[in-house]
Amino acid sequence: MESQTLVILFLIGILAACNYNKAGSLAIKYAMILGNTFVIHGYFGSKFSLSFISEANLKKLFGSFMLIAAIKMILFSK
């Protein structure tokens, strides 16, 4: 299921990049650096998570991260 989410995010990202590029708000150099970083870390992160972390623990880890991020956004945003 997680791999399908990555494909959806990729397609949404391409469409968003097209809109930002049309508006003149896209820095191609930085977008390419971030895109390559995403691909490299996504590859090695998926290898790691598939090899060493069970699906149940991965869901707990991701949920914990999302909860911490939400609390930080709610309590510490300006």
PDB file of N, CA and C in Angstrom:
ATOM      1  N   MET A   1       0.819  -1.188   0.000  1.00  0.00           N
ATOM      2  CA  MET A   1       0.000   0.000   0.000  1.00  0.00           C
ATOM      3  C   MET A   1       0.871   1.263   0.000  1.00  0.00           C
ATOM      4  N   GLU A   2       1.989   1.246   0.700  1.00  0.00           N
ATOM      5  CA  GLU A   2       2.854   2.421   0.780  1.00  0.00           C
ATOM      6  C   GLU A   2       3.440   2.777  -0.579  1.00  0.00           C
ATOM      7  N   SER A   3       3.713   1.777  -1.408  1.00  0.00           N
ATOM      8  CA  SER A   3       4.299   2.058  -2.722  1.00  0.00           C
ATOM      9  C   SER A   3       3.302   2.794  -3.605  1.00  0.00           C
ATOM     10  N   GLN A   4       2.030   2.512  -3.468  1.00  0.00           N
ATOM     11  CA  GLN A   4       1.014   3.221  -4.246  1.00  0.00           C
ATOM     12  C   GLN A   4       0.964   4.686  -3.850  1.00  0.00           C
ATOM     13  N   THR A   5       1.146   4.963  -2.578  1.00  0.00           N
ATOM     14  CA  THR A   5       1.160   6.337  -2.099  1.00  0.00           C
ATOM     15  C   THR A   5       2.314   7.107  -2.716  1.00  0.00           C
ATOM     16  N   LEU A   6       3.468   6.464  -2.851  1.00  0.00           N
ATOM     17  CA  LEU A   6       4.623   7.131  -3.450  1.00  0.00           C
ATOM     18  C   LEU A   6       4.362   7.486  -4.906  1.00  0.00           C
ATOM     19  N   VAL A   7       3.708   6.611  -5.631  1.00  0.00           N
ATOM     20  CA  VAL A   7       3.382   6.895  -7.031  1.00  0.00           C
ATOM     21  C   VAL A   7       2.422   8.073  -7.120  1.00  0.00           C
ATOM     22  N   ILE A   8       1.424   8.098  -6.248  1.00  0.00           N
ATOM     23  CA  ILE A   8       0.463   9.205  -6.237  1.00  0.00           C
ATOM     24  C   ILE A   8       1.168  10.516  -5.911  1.00  0.00           C
ATOM     25  N   LEU A   9       2.054  10.502  -4.908  1.00  0.00           N
ATOM     26  CA  LEU A   9       2.794  11.712  -4.553  1.00  0.00           C
ATOM     27  C   LEU A   9       3.666  12.189  -5.706  1.00  0.00           C
ATOM     28  N   PHE A  10       4.254  11.264  -6.429  1.00  0.00           N
ATOM     29  CA  PHE A  10       5.088  11.619  -7.580  1.00  0.00           C
ATOM     30  C   PHE A  10       4.260  12.339  -8.632  1.00  0.00           C
ATOM     31  N   LEU A  11       3.094  11.789  -8.954  1.00  0.00           N
ATOM     32  CA  LEU A  11       2.240  12.395  -9.971  1.00  0.00           C
ATOM     33  C   LEU A  11       1.727  13.763  -9.533  1.00  0.00           C
ATOM     34  N   ILE A  12       1.334  13.884  -8.283  1.00  0.00           N
ATOM     35  CA  ILE A  12       0.885  15.178  -7.763  1.00  0.00           C
ATOM     36  C   ILE A  12       2.030  16.185  -7.797  1.00  0.00           C
ATOM     37  N   GLY A  13       3.212  15.735  -7.448  1.00  0.00           N
ATOM     38  CA  GLY A  13       4.387  16.610  -7.465  1.00  0.00           C
ATOM     39  C   GLY A  13       4.705  17.124  -8.859  1.00  0.00           C
ATOM     40  N   ILE A  14       4.574  16.264  -9.868  1.00  0.00           N
ATOM     41  CA  ILE A  14       4.822  16.685 -11.249  1.00  0.00           C
ATOM     42  C   ILE A  14       3.809  17.764 -11.659  1.00  0.00           C
ATOM     43  N   LEU A  15       2.536  17.527 -11.358  1.00  0.00           N
ATOM     44  CA  LEU A  15       1.509  18.503 -11.712  1.00  0.00           C
ATOM     45  C   LEU A  15       1.721  19.831 -10.980  1.00  0.00           C
ATOM     46  N   ALA A  16       2.072  19.763  -9.709  1.00  0.00           N
ATOM     47  CA  ALA A  16       2.322  20.982  -8.936  1.00  0.00           C
ATOM     48  C   ALA A  16       3.532  21.726  -9.488  1.00  0.00           C
ATOM     49  N   ALA A  17       4.582  20.994  -9.848  1.00  0.00           N
ATOM     50  CA  ALA A  17       5.781  21.623 -10.413  1.00  0.00           C
ATOM     51  C   ALA A  17       5.463  22.334 -11.722  1.00  0.00           C
ATOM     52  N   CYS A  18       4.603  21.748 -12.532  1.00  0.00           N
ATOM     53  CA  CYS A  18       4.198  22.400 -13.791  1.00  0.00           C
ATOM     54  C   CYS A  18       3.510  23.730 -13.508  1.00  0.00           C
ATOM     55  N   ASN A  19       2.611  23.745 -12.536  1.00  0.00           N
ATOM     56  CA  ASN A  19       1.910  24.987 -12.185  1.00  0.00           C
ATOM     57  C   ASN A  19       2.869  26.045 -11.638  1.00  0.00           C
ATOM     58  N   TYR A  20       3.771  25.641 -10.754  1.00  0.00           N
ATOM     59  CA  TYR A  20       4.741  26.589 -10.213  1.00  0.00           C
ATOM     60  C   TYR A  20       5.673  27.096 -11.306  1.00  0.00           C
ATOM     61  N   ASN A  21       6.040  26.237 -12.235  1.00  0.00           N
ATOM     62  CA  ASN A  21       6.918  26.647 -13.325  1.00  0.00           C
ATOM     63  C   ASN A  21       6.219  27.675 -14.218  1.00  0.00           C
ATOM     64  N   LYS A  22       4.932  27.454 -14.515  1.00  0.00           N
ATOM     65  CA  LYS A  22       4.170  28.407 -15.327  1.00  0.00           C
ATOM     66  C   LYS A  22       4.093  29.771 -14.656  1.00  0.00           C
ATOM     67  N   ALA A  23       4.016  29.772 -13.321  1.00  0.00           N
ATOM     68  CA  ALA A  23       3.932  31.026 -12.574  1.00  0.00           C
ATOM     69  C   ALA A  23       5.297  31.660 -12.355  1.00  0.00           C
ATOM     70  N   GLY A  24       6.369  30.971 -12.775  1.00  0.00           N
ATOM     71  CA  GLY A  24       7.717  31.495 -12.589  1.00  0.00           C
ATOM     72  C   GLY A  24       8.247  31.352 -11.187  1.00  0.00           C
ATOM     73  N   SER A  25       7.670  30.461 -10.408  1.00  0.00           N
ATOM     74  CA  SER A  25       8.060  30.297  -9.003  1.00  0.00           C
ATOM     75  C   SER A  25       8.866  29.023  -8.742  1.00  0.00           C
ATOM     76  N   LEU A  26       9.337  28.382  -9.787  1.00  0.00           N
ATOM     77  CA  LEU A  26      10.062  27.125  -9.608  1.00  0.00           C
ATOM     78  C   LEU A  26      11.541  27.333  -9.878  1.00  0.00           C
ATOM     79  N   ALA A  27      12.359  27.032  -8.898  1.00  0.00           N
ATOM     80  CA  ALA A  27      13.811  27.053  -9.065  1.00  0.00           C
ATOM     81  C   ALA A  27      14.230  25.643  -9.510  1.00  0.00           C
ATOM     82  N   ILE A  28      14.463  25.496 -10.794  1.00  0.00           N
ATOM     83  CA  ILE A  28      14.738  24.177 -11.368  1.00  0.00           C
ATOM     84  C   ILE A  28      15.928  23.500 -10.684  1.00  0.00           C
ATOM     85  N   LYS A  29      16.977  24.265 -10.434  1.00  0.00           N
ATOM     86  CA  LYS A  29      18.187  23.698  -9.819  1.00  0.00           C
ATOM     87  C   LYS A  29      17.861  23.052  -8.463  1.00  0.00           C
ATOM     88  N   TYR A  30      17.152  23.784  -7.627  1.00  0.00           N
ATOM     89  CA  TYR A  30      16.827  23.270  -6.300  1.00  0.00           C
ATOM     90  C   TYR A  30      15.800  22.140  -6.366  1.00  0.00           C
ATOM     91  N   ALA A  31      14.882  22.245  -7.308  1.00  0.00           N
ATOM     92  CA  ALA A  31      13.897  21.177  -7.484  1.00  0.00           C
ATOM     93  C   ALA A  31      14.583  19.870  -7.896  1.00  0.00           C
ATOM     94  N   MET A  32      15.578  19.959  -8.751  1.00  0.00           N
ATOM     95  CA  MET A  32      16.304  18.756  -9.176  1.00  0.00           C
ATOM     96  C   MET A  32      17.113  18.161  -8.023  1.00  0.00           C
ATOM     97  N   ILE A  33      17.729  19.026  -7.229  1.00  0.00           N
ATOM     98  CA  ILE A  33      18.495  18.537  -6.069  1.00  0.00           C
ATOM     99  C   ILE A  33      17.555  17.831  -5.089  1.00  0.00           C
ATOM    100  N   LEU A  34      16.425  18.463  -4.775  1.00  0.00           N
ATOM    101  CA  LEU A  34      15.472  17.849  -3.851  1.00  0.00           C
ATOM    102  C   LEU A  34      14.873  16.575  -4.432  1.00  0.00           C
ATOM    103  N   GLY A  35      14.572  16.581  -5.719  1.00  0.00           N
ATOM    104  CA  GLY A  35      14.023  15.387  -6.375  1.00  0.00           C
ATOM    105  C   GLY A  35      14.981  14.216  -6.332  1.00  0.00           C
ATOM    106  N   ASN A  36      16.259  14.481  -6.643  1.00  0.00           N
ATOM    107  CA  ASN A  36      17.265  13.414  -6.588  1.00  0.00           C
ATOM    108  C   ASN A  36      17.463  12.903  -5.168  1.00  0.00           C
ATOM    109  N   THR A  37      17.451  13.812  -4.209  1.00  0.00           N
ATOM    110  CA  THR A  37      17.577  13.415  -2.805  1.00  0.00           C
ATOM    111  C   THR A  37      16.407  12.536  -2.390  1.00  0.00           C
ATOM    112  N   PHE A  38      15.200  12.889  -2.823  1.00  0.00           N
ATOM    113  CA  PHE A  38      14.002  12.103  -2.522  1.00  0.00           C
ATOM    114  C   PHE A  38      14.133  10.692  -3.090  1.00  0.00           C
ATOM    115  N   VAL A  39      14.593  10.584  -4.322  1.00  0.00           N
ATOM    116  CA  VAL A  39      14.726   9.274  -4.966  1.00  0.00           C
ATOM    117  C   VAL A  39      15.767   8.421  -4.246  1.00  0.00           C
ATOM    118  N   ILE A  40      16.921   9.000  -3.960  1.00  0.00           N
ATOM    119  CA  ILE A  40      18.002   8.242  -3.311  1.00  0.00           C
ATOM    120  C   ILE A  40      17.581   7.790  -1.915  1.00  0.00           C
ATOM    121  N   HIS A  41      17.051   8.709  -1.124  1.00  0.00           N
ATOM    122  CA  HIS A  41      16.644   8.345   0.238  1.00  0.00           C
ATOM    123  C   HIS A  41      15.432   7.410   0.230  1.00  0.00           C
ATOM    124  N   GLY A  42      14.547   7.583  -0.726  1.00  0.00           N
ATOM    125  CA  GLY A  42      13.407   6.680  -0.840  1.00  0.00           C
ATOM    126  C   GLY A  42      13.843   5.259  -1.142  1.00  0.00           C
ATOM    127  N   TYR A  43      14.834   5.132  -2.010  1.00  0.00           N
ATOM    128  CA  TYR A  43      15.339   3.797  -2.359  1.00  0.00           C
ATOM    129  C   TYR A  43      15.966   3.114  -1.148  1.00  0.00           C
ATOM    130  N   PHE A  44      16.919   3.802  -0.510  1.00  0.00           N
ATOM    131  CA  PHE A  44      17.609   3.182   0.625  1.00  0.00           C
ATOM    132  C   PHE A  44      16.697   3.048   1.845  1.00  0.00           C
ATOM    133  N   GLY A  45      15.796   4.002   2.039  1.00  0.00           N
ATOM    134  CA  GLY A  45      14.852   3.911   3.157  1.00  0.00           C
ATOM    135  C   GLY A  45      13.908   2.738   3.002  1.00  0.00           C
ATOM    136  N   SER A  46      13.459   2.498   1.771  1.00  0.00           N
ATOM    137  CA  SER A  46      12.565   1.351   1.558  1.00  0.00           C
ATOM    138  C   SER A  46      13.305   0.037   1.738  1.00  0.00           C
ATOM    139  N   LYS A  47      14.562  -0.021   1.286  1.00  0.00           N
ATOM    140  CA  LYS A  47      15.354  -1.240   1.496  1.00  0.00           C
ATOM    141  C   LYS A  47      15.508  -1.516   2.986  1.00  0.00           C
ATOM    142  N   PHE A  48      15.796  -0.453   3.747  1.00  0.00           N
ATOM    143  CA  PHE A  48      15.976  -0.594   5.192  1.00  0.00           C
ATOM    144  C   PHE A  48      14.682  -1.029   5.859  1.00  0.00           C
ATOM    145  N   SER A  49      13.585  -0.342   5.544  1.00  0.00           N
ATOM    146  CA  SER A  49      12.332  -0.644   6.236  1.00  0.00           C
ATOM    147  C   SER A  49      11.799  -2.024   5.874  1.00  0.00           C
ATOM    148  N   LEU A  50      11.992  -2.450   4.638  1.00  0.00           N
ATOM    149  CA  LEU A  50      11.524  -3.783   4.250  1.00  0.00           C
ATOM    150  C   LEU A  50      12.377  -4.891   4.867  1.00  0.00           C
ATOM    151  N   SER A  51      13.636  -4.579   5.159  1.00  0.00           N
ATOM    152  CA  SER A  51      14.548  -5.600   5.687  1.00  0.00           C
ATOM    153  C   SER A  51      14.538  -5.707   7.209  1.00  0.00           C
ATOM    154  N   PHE A  52      14.397  -4.569   7.904  1.00  0.00           N
ATOM    155  CA  PHE A  52      14.637  -4.569   9.341  1.00  0.00           C
ATOM    156  C   PHE A  52      13.436  -4.220  10.205  1.00  0.00           C
ATOM    157  N   ILE A  53      12.400  -3.624   9.650  1.00  0.00           N
ATOM    158  CA  ILE A  53      11.284  -3.153  10.459  1.00  0.00           C
ATOM    159  C   ILE A  53      10.008  -3.858  10.006  1.00  0.00           C
ATOM    160  N   SER A  54       9.289  -4.413  10.968  1.00  0.00           N
ATOM    161  CA  SER A  54       8.021  -5.074  10.615  1.00  0.00           C
ATOM    162  C   SER A  54       6.983  -4.030  10.229  1.00  0.00           C
ATOM    163  N   GLU A  55       5.963  -4.457   9.517  1.00  0.00           N
ATOM    164  CA  GLU A  55       4.925  -3.529   9.067  1.00  0.00           C
ATOM    165  C   GLU A  55       4.207  -2.886  10.248  1.00  0.00           C
ATOM    166  N   ALA A  56       3.943  -3.656  11.279  1.00  0.00           N
ATOM    167  CA  ALA A  56       3.263  -3.124  12.465  1.00  0.00           C
ATOM    168  C   ALA A  56       4.111  -2.045  13.149  1.00  0.00           C
ATOM    169  N   ASN A  57       5.406  -2.311  13.312  1.00  0.00           N
ATOM    170  CA  ASN A  57       6.283  -1.328  13.944  1.00  0.00           C
ATOM    171  C   ASN A  57       6.478  -0.095  13.068  1.00  0.00           C
ATOM    172  N   LEU A  58       6.505  -0.290  11.750  1.00  0.00           N
ATOM    173  CA  LEU A  58       6.643   0.835  10.838  1.00  0.00           C
ATOM    174  C   LEU A  58       5.428   1.747  10.925  1.00  0.00           C
ATOM    175  N   LYS A  59       4.234   1.160  11.030  1.00  0.00           N
ATOM    176  CA  LYS A  59       3.016   1.961  11.178  1.00  0.00           C
ATOM    177  C   LYS A  59       3.039   2.731  12.492  1.00  0.00           C
ATOM    178  N   LYS A  60       3.490   2.104  13.570  1.00  0.00           N
ATOM    179  CA  LYS A  60       3.582   2.779  14.866  1.00  0.00           C
ATOM    180  C   LYS A  60       4.595   3.920  14.810  1.00  0.00           C
ATOM    181  N   LEU A  61       5.727   3.675  14.177  1.00  0.00           N
ATOM    182  CA  LEU A  61       6.767   4.691  14.055  1.00  0.00           C
ATOM    183  C   LEU A  61       6.269   5.879  13.242  1.00  0.00           C
ATOM    184  N   PHE A  62       5.633   5.599  12.118  1.00  0.00           N
ATOM    185  CA  PHE A  62       5.113   6.668  11.273  1.00  0.00           C
ATOM    186  C   PHE A  62       4.002   7.447  11.991  1.00  0.00           C
ATOM    187  N   GLY A  63       3.113   6.742  12.667  1.00  0.00           N
ATOM    188  CA  GLY A  63       2.047   7.393  13.422  1.00  0.00           C
ATOM    189  C   GLY A  63       2.592   8.282  14.523  1.00  0.00           C
ATOM    190  N   SER A  64       3.621   7.815  15.212  1.00  0.00           N
ATOM    191  CA  SER A  64       4.254   8.613  16.266  1.00  0.00           C
ATOM    192  C   SER A  64       4.868   9.882  15.683  1.00  0.00           C
ATOM    193  N   PHE A  65       5.541   9.743  14.561  1.00  0.00           N
ATOM    194  CA  PHE A  65       6.150  10.895  13.900  1.00  0.00           C
ATOM    195  C   PHE A  65       5.080  11.910  13.496  1.00  0.00           C
ATOM    196  N   MET A  66       3.981  11.431  12.936  1.00  0.00           N
ATOM    197  CA  MET A  66       2.903  12.323  12.521  1.00  0.00           C
ATOM    198  C   MET A  66       2.265  13.019  13.721  1.00  0.00           C
ATOM    199  N   LEU A  67       2.111  12.306  14.819  1.00  0.00           N
ATOM    200  CA  LEU A  67       1.541  12.890  16.031  1.00  0.00           C
ATOM    201  C   LEU A  67       2.443  13.986  16.590  1.00  0.00           C
ATOM    202  N   ILE A  68       3.741  13.730  16.629  1.00  0.00           N
ATOM    203  CA  ILE A  68       4.692  14.732  17.112  1.00  0.00           C
ATOM    204  C   ILE A  68       4.676  15.960  16.209  1.00  0.00           C
ATOM    205  N   ALA A  69       4.643  15.737  14.904  1.00  0.00           N
ATOM    206  CA  ALA A  69       4.604  16.862  13.961  1.00  0.00           C
ATOM    207  C   ALA A  69       3.328  17.671  14.130  1.00  0.00           C
ATOM    208  N   ALA A  70       2.196  17.000  14.343  1.00  0.00           N
ATOM    209  CA  ALA A  70       0.920  17.702  14.520  1.00  0.00           C
ATOM    210  C   ALA A  70       0.934  18.534  15.803  1.00  0.00           C
ATOM    211  N   ILE A  71       1.428  17.974  16.884  1.00  0.00           N
ATOM    212  CA  ILE A  71       1.501  18.707  18.150  1.00  0.00           C
ATOM    213  C   ILE A  71       2.403  19.925  18.009  1.00  0.00           C
ATOM    214  N   LYS A  72       3.529  19.742  17.344  1.00  0.00           N
ATOM    215  CA  LYS A  72       4.448  20.856  17.132  1.00  0.00           C
ATOM    216  C   LYS A  72       3.788  21.960  16.304  1.00  0.00           C
ATOM    217  N   MET A  73       3.064  21.570  15.258  1.00  0.00           N
ATOM    218  CA  MET A  73       2.385  22.562  14.421  1.00  0.00           C
ATOM    219  C   MET A  73       1.306  23.311  15.205  1.00  0.00           C
ATOM    220  N   ILE A  74       0.573  22.598  16.035  1.00  0.00           N
ATOM    221  CA  ILE A  74      -0.512  23.223  16.792  1.00  0.00           C
ATOM    222  C   ILE A  74       0.028  24.140  17.889  1.00  0.00           C
ATOM    223  N   LEU A  75       1.002  23.688  18.630  1.00  0.00           N
ATOM    224  CA  LEU A  75       1.470  24.434  19.792  1.00  0.00           C
ATOM    225  C   LEU A  75       2.512  25.497  19.478  1.00  0.00           C
ATOM    226  N   PHE A  76       3.315  25.277  18.447  1.00  0.00           N
ATOM    227  CA  PHE A  76       4.456  26.176  18.235  1.00  0.00           C
ATOM    228  C   PHE A  76       4.409  26.951  16.922  1.00  0.00           C
ATOM    229  N   SER A  77       3.268  26.933  16.224  1.00  0.00           N
ATOM    230  CA  SER A  77       3.183  27.716  14.989  1.00  0.00           C
ATOM    231  C   SER A  77       2.847  29.166  15.333  1.00  0.00           C
ATOM    232  N   LYS A  78       3.290  30.065  14.492  1.00  0.00           N
ATOM    233  CA  LYS A  78       3.086  31.495  14.751  1.00  0.00           C
ATOM    234  C   LYS A  78       1.746  31.936  14.239  1.00  0.00           C
TER     235      LYS A  78
END
